[in-house]
């Protein structure tokens, strides 16, 4: 049997792709003499009674391919509702649902799904279909028994030594423990957690209590004390100190005439401010004295005028 060259090139390209980058749980086997002598190998899916088995599917291409589906059958014996005793497969993809765009990989994936989800309504093996509907435990027990006898080899097929294109390669890498990023993840996680959970250092600021509301200059923390510095001395004229000592503060008029010095200062500053205050007080006293002298002169002048008028009246 011969196929057109375009069909042959398509099959050769698909077979090469399946060998180099196979799907998970699916491999292909070819003959060196005839490339069309193709056999697919399906690994029994986990969680099914076919787990641990390897099932071979034989392909037979006709001249109508790809317009018509190839002939496929199981060459490995298994207990399944949709597989006959001769290995014929009942699936819509190989019958009415076939499309010319489908290929070998699509057929093998569909048959693998049939092992996971059997369809008892279109059963080729009536006994398996009836047992599946009525007693699933007995169905699984019998399917598992036939799988262990006919589909479980002593040695895994060599075709499965080639890693799958997707999940199987990453699974084998993580299982062997050779993946460097996987080993680094647990080491970096505690460091991040401890850094995030470490409490921030608490800083306590010193509390300074002052009697005056005006702050004094704060010296630098490590500055050496000056040789001429003297202890601070509170001014007696500070209204804030007077209120603290129980004395009523001076009126606004007194504060205007006698301004108080700064709240706190050195002794030298207090002496200078006291001298300035004395000068201002003396000037204010001089103004008061001058005012009294003017008033006294005016009074004397008025008195002398009154006496002159009295004398003039007497003369008359």
Foldseek 3Di string as FASTA:
>chain_A
DDEDPVVVVVLVVVLVCCLQANAPQKHKDADPVDRLFIKIWGAQDPPALLHQFIWIKTWADDRCPPQAATFIFTPWDFQAFQAARVGHGDDCCNPVVDDNPDDDNVVVVVVNVCRVPPDLVPGPPVVLSVCCVPPVVVSSVVRNVSRVVTGRDPDDDPSPVNAHNPDRVVVVCVVVVPDPVVVCVVVVVVVVVCVVPDDDDDDDDDDDDDQDPDDDDDDDPPDDDDPPFDDKDFDPLDQSVCVVVVHHHDDPVVCVQQPDDDGIDTPVVNVVSVVVSVVSVVVVVVVVVVVVVVVVVVVVVVVVVVVVVVVVVVVD
